[in-house]
C-alpha atoms as a PDB file:
ATOM      1  CA  UNK A   1     -14.667  -6.217 -25.113  1.00  0.00           C
ATOM      2  CA  UNK A   2     -15.196  -2.907 -23.320  1.00  0.00           C
ATOM      3  CA  UNK A   3     -15.768  -3.202 -19.586  1.00  0.00           C
ATOM      4  CA  UNK A   4     -16.983  -0.103 -17.770  1.00  0.00           C
ATOM      5  CA  UNK A   5     -15.615   1.019 -14.438  1.00  0.00           C
ATOM      6  CA  UNK A   6     -17.698  -0.489 -11.621  1.00  0.00           C
ATOM      7  CA  UNK A   7     -17.386   2.643  -9.517  1.00  0.00           C
ATOM      8  CA  UNK A   8     -18.120   5.561 -11.871  1.00  0.00           C
ATOM      9  CA  UNK A   9     -19.557   3.737 -14.942  1.00  0.00           C
ATOM     10  CA  UNK A  10     -17.955   6.384 -17.181  1.00  0.00           C
ATOM     11  CA  UNK A  11     -14.535   5.262 -18.354  1.00  0.00           C
ATOM     12  CA  UNK A  12     -13.312   1.987 -19.703  1.00  0.00           C
ATOM     13  CA  UNK A  13     -11.599  -0.510 -17.452  1.00  0.00           C
ATOM     14  CA  UNK A  14      -8.013   0.262 -16.537  1.00  0.00           C
ATOM     15  CA  UNK A  15      -7.341  -2.288 -13.852  1.00  0.00           C
ATOM     16  CA  UNK A  16      -9.002  -5.511 -12.767  1.00  0.00           C
ATOM     17  CA  UNK A  17      -8.019  -5.387  -9.127  1.00  0.00           C
ATOM     18  CA  UNK A  18      -7.102  -8.687  -7.475  1.00  0.00           C
ATOM     19  CA  UNK A  19      -7.327  -7.081  -4.017  1.00  0.00           C
ATOM     20  CA  UNK A  20     -10.832  -5.631  -4.229  1.00  0.00           C
ATOM     21  CA  UNK A  21     -12.069  -7.637  -7.242  1.00  0.00           C
ATOM     22  CA  UNK A  22     -13.362  -4.587  -9.129  1.00  0.00           C
ATOM     23  CA  UNK A  23     -12.940  -3.347 -12.677  1.00  0.00           C
ATOM     24  CA  UNK A  24     -11.795   0.262 -12.228  1.00  0.00           C
ATOM     25  CA  UNK A  25     -10.830   3.171 -14.457  1.00  0.00           C
ATOM     26  CA  UNK A  26      -7.526   4.896 -13.692  1.00  0.00           C
ATOM     27  CA  UNK A  27      -9.168   7.725 -11.703  1.00  0.00           C
ATOM     28  CA  UNK A  28     -11.186   5.367  -9.512  1.00  0.00           C
ATOM     29  CA  UNK A  29      -8.203   3.004  -9.125  1.00  0.00           C
ATOM     30  CA  UNK A  30      -6.079   5.869  -7.811  1.00  0.00           C
ATOM     31  CA  UNK A  31      -8.834   7.040  -5.457  1.00  0.00           C
ATOM     32  CA  UNK A  32      -9.558   3.569  -4.062  1.00  0.00           C
ATOM     33  CA  UNK A  33      -5.968   2.403  -3.639  1.00  0.00           C
ATOM     34  CA  UNK A  34      -3.989   5.607  -3.046  1.00  0.00           C
ATOM     35  CA  UNK A  35      -6.546   8.141  -1.803  1.00  0.00           C
ATOM     36  CA  UNK A  36      -5.893  10.559  -4.675  1.00  0.00           C
ATOM     37  CA  UNK A  37      -8.830  13.000  -4.918  1.00  0.00           C
ATOM     38  CA  UNK A  38     -10.542  11.299  -1.959  1.00  0.00           C
ATOM     39  CA  UNK A  39     -13.265  13.166  -0.121  1.00  0.00           C
ATOM     40  CA  UNK A  40     -12.437  15.074   3.038  1.00  0.00           C
ATOM     41  CA  UNK A  41     -12.141  12.682   5.974  1.00  0.00           C
ATOM     42  CA  UNK A  42     -12.992  15.154   8.724  1.00  0.00           C
ATOM     43  CA  UNK A  43     -12.407  18.630  10.039  1.00  0.00           C
ATOM     44  CA  UNK A  44      -8.806  18.077  11.065  1.00  0.00           C
ATOM     45  CA  UNK A  45      -5.687  17.506   9.000  1.00  0.00           C
ATOM     46  CA  UNK A  46      -4.446  13.982   8.353  1.00  0.00           C
ATOM     47  CA  UNK A  47      -0.711  13.298   8.322  1.00  0.00           C
ATOM     48  CA  UNK A  48       0.485  10.771   5.784  1.00  0.00           C
ATOM     49  CA  UNK A  49       3.775   9.354   4.526  1.00  0.00           C
ATOM     50  CA  UNK A  50       4.279   9.272   0.756  1.00  0.00           C
ATOM     51  CA  UNK A  51       4.947   5.783  -0.610  1.00  0.00           C
ATOM     52  CA  UNK A  52       7.304   7.169  -3.258  1.00  0.00           C
ATOM     53  CA  UNK A  53       9.445   9.842  -1.571  1.00  0.00           C
ATOM     54  CA  UNK A  54       8.831   9.007   2.094  1.00  0.00           C
ATOM     55  CA  UNK A  55       8.004  12.604   3.066  1.00  0.00           C
ATOM     56  CA  UNK A  56       5.447  13.309   5.765  1.00  0.00           C
ATOM     57  CA  UNK A  57       2.733  15.685   4.559  1.00  0.00           C
ATOM     58  CA  UNK A  58      -0.588  17.007   5.815  1.00  0.00           C
ATOM     59  CA  UNK A  59      -3.816  16.856   3.851  1.00  0.00           C
ATOM     60  CA  UNK A  60      -7.540  16.748   4.499  1.00  0.00           C
ATOM     61  CA  UNK A  61      -7.974  13.105   3.446  1.00  0.00           C
ATOM     62  CA  UNK A  62      -6.249   9.781   4.015  1.00  0.00           C
ATOM     63  CA  UNK A  63      -3.932   9.203   1.074  1.00  0.00           C
ATOM     64  CA  UNK A  64      -0.610   7.528   0.432  1.00  0.00           C
ATOM     65  CA  UNK A  65       0.922   9.820  -2.209  1.00  0.00           C
ATOM     66  CA  UNK A  66       2.017  13.445  -1.721  1.00  0.00           C
ATOM     67  CA  UNK A  67       1.090  16.185  -4.197  1.00  0.00           C
ATOM     68  CA  UNK A  68       4.526  16.170  -5.840  1.00  0.00           C
ATOM     69  CA  UNK A  69       4.428  12.390  -6.494  1.00  0.00           C
ATOM     70  CA  UNK A  70       0.773  12.210  -7.571  1.00  0.00           C
ATOM     71  CA  UNK A  71       1.830  12.765 -11.196  1.00  0.00           C
ATOM     72  CA  UNK A  72       3.506   9.322 -11.194  1.00  0.00           C
ATOM     73  CA  UNK A  73       0.101   7.660 -10.874  1.00  0.00           C
ATOM     74  CA  UNK A  74      -2.214  10.123 -12.618  1.00  0.00           C
ATOM     75  CA  UNK A  75      -0.444  11.165 -15.832  1.00  0.00           C
ATOM     76  CA  UNK A  76      -2.636  11.285 -18.933  1.00  0.00           C
ATOM     77  CA  UNK A  77      -0.717  13.195 -21.605  1.00  0.00           C
ATOM     78  CA  UNK A  78       2.787  13.042 -23.016  1.00  0.00           C
ATOM     79  CA  UNK A  79       3.838  16.111 -21.024  1.00  0.00           C
ATOM     80  CA  UNK A  80       2.443  14.590 -17.821  1.00  0.00           C
ATOM     81  CA  UNK A  81       4.318  11.374 -18.594  1.00  0.00           C
ATOM     82  CA  UNK A  82       7.544  13.347 -18.945  1.00  0.00           C
ATOM     83  CA  UNK A  83       6.873  15.161 -15.656  1.00  0.00           C
ATOM     84  CA  UNK A  84       6.224  11.810 -13.945  1.00  0.00           C
ATOM     85  CA  UNK A  85       9.434  10.310 -15.325  1.00  0.00           C
ATOM     86  CA  UNK A  86      11.342  13.403 -14.169  1.00  0.00           C
ATOM     87  CA  UNK A  87       9.869  13.008 -10.666  1.00  0.00           C
ATOM     88  CA  UNK A  88      10.937   9.351 -10.516  1.00  0.00           C
ATOM     89  CA  UNK A  89      14.394  10.305 -11.855  1.00  0.00           C
ATOM     90  CA  UNK A  90      14.709  12.947  -9.138  1.00  0.00           C
ATOM     91  CA  UNK A  91      13.820  10.346  -6.492  1.00  0.00           C
ATOM     92  CA  UNK A  92      16.402   7.966  -7.950  1.00  0.00           C
ATOM     93  CA  UNK A  93      19.140  10.641  -7.906  1.00  0.00           C
ATOM     94  CA  UNK A  94      18.446  11.419  -4.248  1.00  0.00           C
ATOM     95  CA  UNK A  95      18.129   7.714  -3.282  1.00  0.00           C
ATOM     96  CA  UNK A  96      14.581   8.226  -2.009  1.00  0.00           C
ATOM     97  CA  UNK A  97      12.930   5.661  -4.290  1.00  0.00           C
ATOM     98  CA  UNK A  98      12.408   2.303  -2.596  1.00  0.00           C
ATOM     99  CA  UNK A  99      14.518  -0.417  -4.237  1.00  0.00           C
ATOM    100  CA  UNK A 100      11.476  -2.697  -4.575  1.00  0.00           C
ATOM    101  CA  UNK A 101      10.071  -0.195  -7.113  1.00  0.00           C
ATOM    102  CA  UNK A 102      12.838  -1.287  -9.486  1.00  0.00           C
ATOM    103  CA  UNK A 103      11.046  -4.639  -9.876  1.00  0.00           C
ATOM    104  CA  UNK A 104       8.572  -4.413 -12.758  1.00  0.00           C
ATOM    105  CA  UNK A 105       6.257  -7.150 -11.451  1.00  0.00           C
ATOM    106  CA  UNK A 106       6.085  -5.479  -8.026  1.00  0.00           C
ATOM    107  CA  UNK A 107       5.107  -2.184  -9.654  1.00  0.00           C
ATOM    108  CA  UNK A 108       2.454  -3.796 -11.872  1.00  0.00           C
ATOM    109  CA  UNK A 109       0.808  -5.467  -8.884  1.00  0.00           C
ATOM    110  CA  UNK A 110       0.927  -2.415  -6.603  1.00  0.00           C
ATOM    111  CA  UNK A 111       0.563   0.536  -9.004  1.00  0.00           C
ATOM    112  CA  UNK A 112      -0.911  -0.868 -12.227  1.00  0.00           C
ATOM    113  CA  UNK A 113       0.559  -0.797 -15.710  1.00  0.00           C
ATOM    114  CA  UNK A 114       0.151   2.962 -16.157  1.00  0.00           C
ATOM    115  CA  UNK A 115       2.495   3.986 -13.327  1.00  0.00           C
ATOM    116  CA  UNK A 116       4.780   1.019 -13.975  1.00  0.00           C
ATOM    117  CA  UNK A 117       5.485   2.334 -17.468  1.00  0.00           C
ATOM    118  CA  UNK A 118       6.749   5.656 -16.110  1.00  0.00           C
ATOM    119  CA  UNK A 119       8.749   4.088 -13.285  1.00  0.00           C
ATOM    120  CA  UNK A 120      10.493   1.590 -15.576  1.00  0.00           C
ATOM    121  CA  UNK A 121      11.186   4.259 -18.230  1.00  0.00           C
ATOM    122  CA  UNK A 122      12.788   6.516 -15.620  1.00  0.00           C
ATOM    123  CA  UNK A 123      14.861   3.663 -14.203  1.00  0.00           C
ATOM    124  CA  UNK A 124      16.021   2.619 -17.676  1.00  0.00           C
ATOM    125  CA  UNK A 125      17.026   6.169 -18.604  1.00  0.00           C
ATOM    126  CA  UNK A 126      18.897   6.632 -15.307  1.00  0.00           C
ATOM    127  CA  UNK A 127      21.096   3.641 -16.073  1.00  0.00           C
ATOM    128  CA  UNK A 128      22.470   5.275 -19.201  1.00  0.00           C
END
């Protein structure tokens, strides 16, 4: 059964959110939960800390993922998936990735299945 996104009504459901109780497509899920592509929050810059790499960055909206790590959540093609896995691998090599992200269930709950796939693939390939 196809369930449409409750926010944009365009795409099919990606995530049935237990926190907000909405059926959301991947774009709306990332906007609601991580601030990716959020509207400008004011005239001044907002300083945020990336949940993946921990870097402090300035942007014009409240978000929780820097531009370099956004690919981990927003990938849509095979090349994007590879770029996302490379970003996670880079964070693993530099010990910047939080150890809780190595838990698949934690990632599914907090990031959804889409990002979890990339994170787990990168972790598995780094062990080899």
